[in-house]
Protein backbone atom coordinates (compact mmCIF):
# COMPACT_ATOMS: atom_id res chain seq x y z
CA MET A 1 -0.02 -0.03 0.23
CA THR A 2 3.02 2.29 0.53
CA ILE A 3 3.92 1.83 -2.76
CA THR A 4 0.60 2.78 -4.23
CA LYS A 5 0.32 6.21 -1.96
CA ILE A 6 4.12 6.97 -3.27
CA VAL A 7 2.47 6.95 -6.79
CA LEU A 8 -0.59 8.56 -5.91
CA SER A 9 1.31 11.52 -4.14
CA TYR A 10 3.43 12.24 -6.92
CA PHE A 11 0.55 12.40 -9.41
CA ALA A 12 -1.46 14.60 -6.88
CA LEU A 13 2.05 16.68 -6.43
CA LEU A 14 1.21 17.22 -10.26
CA ALA A 15 -2.09 17.53 -9.95
CA LEU A 16 -1.53 20.76 -7.42
CA ILE A 17 0.67 22.13 -9.75
CA VAL A 18 -1.21 22.03 -12.89
CA GLY A 19 -4.38 22.84 -10.57
CA THR A 20 -2.72 26.13 -9.21
CA VAL A 21 -1.08 27.15 -12.59
CA TRP A 22 -4.71 26.74 -14.08
CA THR A 23 -6.28 29.02 -11.15
CA LEU A 24 -3.60 31.79 -11.47
CA GLN A 25 -4.08 31.90 -15.16
CA GLY A 26 -8.09 31.93 -15.01
CA VAL A 27 -7.98 34.99 -12.86
CA ASN A 28 -4.88 36.50 -14.91
CA VAL A 29 -2.35 36.64 -12.33
CA LEU A 30 -0.76 34.47 -14.60
CA PRO A 31 -0.51 35.65 -18.61
CA GLY A 32 0.67 34.31 -21.43
CA SER A 33 -1.29 31.43 -22.25
CA PHE A 34 -5.13 31.12 -24.03
CA MET A 35 -6.54 30.27 -20.70
CA SER A 36 -5.18 33.67 -19.26
CA GLY A 37 -8.17 35.71 -18.13
CA HIS A 38 -11.03 32.97 -18.62
CA ILE A 39 -12.29 32.61 -15.14
CA GLU A 40 -13.58 28.90 -16.55
CA TRP A 41 -9.90 27.37 -15.92
CA ALA A 42 -9.81 29.02 -12.25
CA TYR A 43 -12.85 26.88 -11.96
CA ARG A 44 -11.48 23.84 -13.20
CA GLY A 45 -7.85 24.59 -11.64
CA ALA A 46 -9.13 25.42 -8.01
CA PRO A 47 -11.00 21.63 -7.49
CA LEU A 48 -8.01 20.07 -8.90
CA ALA A 49 -5.82 21.59 -6.94
CA ALA A 50 -8.28 21.13 -3.92
CA LEU A 51 -8.33 17.37 -4.54
CA ALA A 52 -4.74 17.19 -4.97
CA LEU A 53 -4.06 18.48 -1.66
CA VAL A 54 -6.49 16.05 0.59
CA VAL A 55 -4.85 13.10 -1.41
CA MET A 56 -1.41 14.61 -0.63
CA TRP A 57 -2.61 14.44 3.02
CA TRP A 58 -3.94 10.94 3.08
CA ALA A 59 -0.78 9.75 1.47
CA PHE A 60 1.81 11.68 3.99
CA ARG A 61 0.06 10.40 6.68
CA THR A 62 1.75 7.04 6.34
CA PRO A 63 5.84 6.73 7.16
CA GLY A 64 7.91 6.61 4.68
CA VAL A 65 5.68 8.36 1.76
CA LEU A 66 6.98 11.56 1.85
CA ARG A 67 10.49 10.44 1.44
CA GLY A 68 9.37 7.92 -1.39
CA THR A 69 7.42 10.25 -3.08
CA VAL A 70 10.72 12.54 -3.09
CA GLY A 71 12.92 9.51 -4.15
CA LEU A 72 10.34 8.96 -7.05
CA ILE A 73 10.77 12.55 -8.07
CA GLY A 74 14.20 12.18 -7.66
CA ILE A 75 13.94 8.93 -10.38
CA ILE A 76 12.55 10.99 -12.59
CA ALA A 77 14.55 14.06 -12.96
CA THR A 78 17.20 11.99 -13.27
CA LEU A 79 15.25 10.27 -16.35
CA MET A 80 14.61 13.87 -17.92
CA GLY A 81 18.05 14.57 -17.34
CA VAL A 82 19.47 11.94 -19.43
CA ILE A 83 16.61 12.95 -22.05
CA LEU A 84 17.67 16.65 -21.95
CA VAL A 85 21.56 15.09 -22.26
CA LEU A 86 20.62 12.91 -25.43
CA ARG A 87 18.30 15.74 -27.12
CA GLY A 88 21.42 18.19 -26.84
CA THR A 89 23.86 15.51 -27.84
CA ALA A 90 21.72 14.49 -31.04
CA SER A 91 21.31 18.40 -32.00
CA ILE A 92 24.03 20.09 -34.24
CA ALA A 93 21.78 23.32 -34.19
CA PRO A 94 23.44 26.55 -32.38
CA GLY A 95 22.40 27.24 -28.62
CA HIS A 96 21.42 23.35 -28.18
CA GLU A 97 24.42 23.08 -25.95
CA LYS A 98 22.10 24.40 -23.22
CA PHE A 99 20.04 20.84 -23.15
CA ILE A 100 23.51 19.23 -22.20
CA THR A 101 23.84 21.03 -19.00
CA TYR A 102 20.42 21.46 -18.02
CA GLY A 103 20.12 17.62 -18.39
CA ALA A 104 23.41 17.14 -16.16
CA ILE A 105 22.02 19.27 -13.65
CA ALA A 106 18.90 17.47 -13.57
CA ILE A 107 20.98 14.43 -13.14
CA VAL A 108 22.96 15.67 -10.48
CA LEU A 109 20.05 16.77 -8.41
CA GLY A 110 17.75 13.68 -9.27
CA LEU A 111 20.34 11.66 -8.18
CA ALA A 112 20.84 13.57 -4.98
CA LEU A 113 17.21 13.36 -4.02
CA GLU A 114 16.87 9.92 -4.47
CA VAL A 115 20.41 8.38 -2.56
CA TRP A 116 19.32 11.03 0.10
CA MET A 117 15.89 9.64 0.63
CA THR A 118 17.09 5.99 0.60
CA HIS A 119 18.47 4.74 3.92
CA ALA A 120 19.10 1.45 2.63
CA ILE A 121 20.83 -0.33 -0.95
CA GLY A 122 17.29 -1.42 -2.45
CA ALA A 123 16.21 -1.78 -5.62
CA ALA A 124 16.77 2.02 -6.66
CA HIS A 125 20.10 1.58 -6.27
CA ASN A 126 20.55 -1.43 -8.35
CA ILE A 127 18.75 0.47 -11.16
CA PHE A 128 20.75 3.13 -10.60
CA GLY A 129 24.00 0.91 -11.00
CA ALA A 130 23.00 -0.59 -13.92
CA PHE A 131 22.29 2.70 -15.35
CA GLY A 132 25.41 3.65 -14.53
CA VAL A 133 27.48 1.14 -16.28
CA LEU A 134 24.94 1.82 -19.28
CA LEU A 135 26.17 5.57 -19.37
CA ILE A 136 29.58 4.19 -19.32
CA ILE A 137 29.36 2.18 -22.07
CA ALA A 138 27.75 4.66 -24.20
CA GLY A 139 30.06 7.09 -23.60
CA LEU A 140 32.98 5.36 -24.47
CA ILE A 141 31.42 4.41 -27.42
CA TRP A 142 30.99 7.55 -28.14
CA VAL A 143 34.61 8.26 -27.60
CA LEU A 144 35.73 5.54 -29.73
CA GLN A 145 33.62 6.97 -32.36
CA GLY A 146 34.80 10.33 -32.26
CA LEU A 147 38.16 8.89 -32.46
CA ARG A 148 37.61 6.97 -35.70
CA LEU A 149 38.06 3.63 -33.74
CA PHE A 150 34.39 2.01 -33.82
CA PRO A 151 33.02 2.84 -37.42
CA GLY A 152 29.49 2.92 -38.37
CA THR A 153 27.52 5.94 -37.26
CA PHE A 154 27.54 9.69 -38.45
CA MET A 155 29.92 10.27 -35.30
CA LEU A 156 32.64 8.82 -37.23
CA GLY A 157 35.85 11.50 -37.10
CA ASP A 158 33.86 14.10 -35.15
CA ILE A 159 35.71 15.09 -32.12
CA ARG A 160 32.93 16.78 -30.61
CA TRP A 161 31.45 13.18 -29.75
CA ALA A 162 34.42 12.30 -28.07
CA TYR A 163 34.08 15.10 -25.85
CA ARG A 164 30.53 14.24 -25.18
CA GLY A 165 31.19 10.80 -24.72
CA GLY A 166 33.75 11.18 -22.05
CA VAL A 167 31.32 14.10 -20.37
CA LEU A 168 28.89 10.68 -20.48
CA ALA A 169 31.58 8.40 -19.18
CA VAL A 170 32.01 10.37 -16.24
CA ILE A 171 28.05 11.19 -15.58
CA GLY A 172 27.80 7.53 -15.55
CA LEU A 173 31.03 6.62 -12.96
CA LEU A 174 29.18 8.96 -10.45
CA THR A 175 25.97 7.55 -10.83
CA LEU A 176 27.43 4.09 -10.34
CA LEU A 177 29.80 5.53 -7.38
CA LEU A 178 26.22 7.18 -5.88
CA ALA A 179 24.25 4.14 -6.37
CA GLY A 180 27.05 1.96 -4.72
CA ARG A 181 27.33 3.64 -1.79
CA LYS A 182 26.85 2.56 2.09
CA PRO A 183 24.08 3.61 4.09
CA ALA A 184 25.17 5.72 6.79
CA ALA A 185 25.69 4.28 9.75
CA SER A 186 23.20 5.10 12.61
CA PRO A 187 23.97 6.26 15.86
CA ALA A 188 24.00 3.90 18.73
CA LYS A 189 21.66 4.73 21.50
C-alpha cells in the first residue's frame, strides 16, 4: 500500500501544480496563455488543486511516503536529465548545448534526491548502478567513434562526440559511485 500511496502522492503533486497554474491563469495573475483571463480555468484548477491537497494529506500520513515520493521525484528528474543530455548531444543546431548542461544538472539533482531519501541500498540503487554502467558504455562508444576507432555511425571522426562521450562516461561513473554507496551508520542509542 505504501508504494501505491507514493505513486498517488507524486501524481497529486503534479495535479496540484497544474491546478494552481490553471487557477492563476484563469484569474489573470499568470498571463501568457490562452487560459489567461478566462475564469472557467480557475473553476477547473481550484477543485483540482484542492483534490490534490486532500490526496497528498491522506498519503503523507503513512510513514515513509513523503520520503518515497521525494525519491520518486529524484528518479524522474534523473531520467528527464538523461533525455535532455541525449537531446543536446543529438543536435547540431546552435544553442542546443544548453540541453546538455540542464540535463546534467537534472541528473545530479535527481540522483542526489534519490540517494538522500533512500536509507539502505535497495532496488533504486541497483537500477542506478545498472544505469551508470550503461552510461559508461555509451560514453566510451561515443569516444571511440569520435576518435575514428569504432566505425558505423555519423559520429565517426567528429571530435565533439569524443568530448561528449567523455562527459557521458564521467556522469555514468558518478552515477555508479552514488548507487554503490553504503548507508550511513545509525548512531548507537
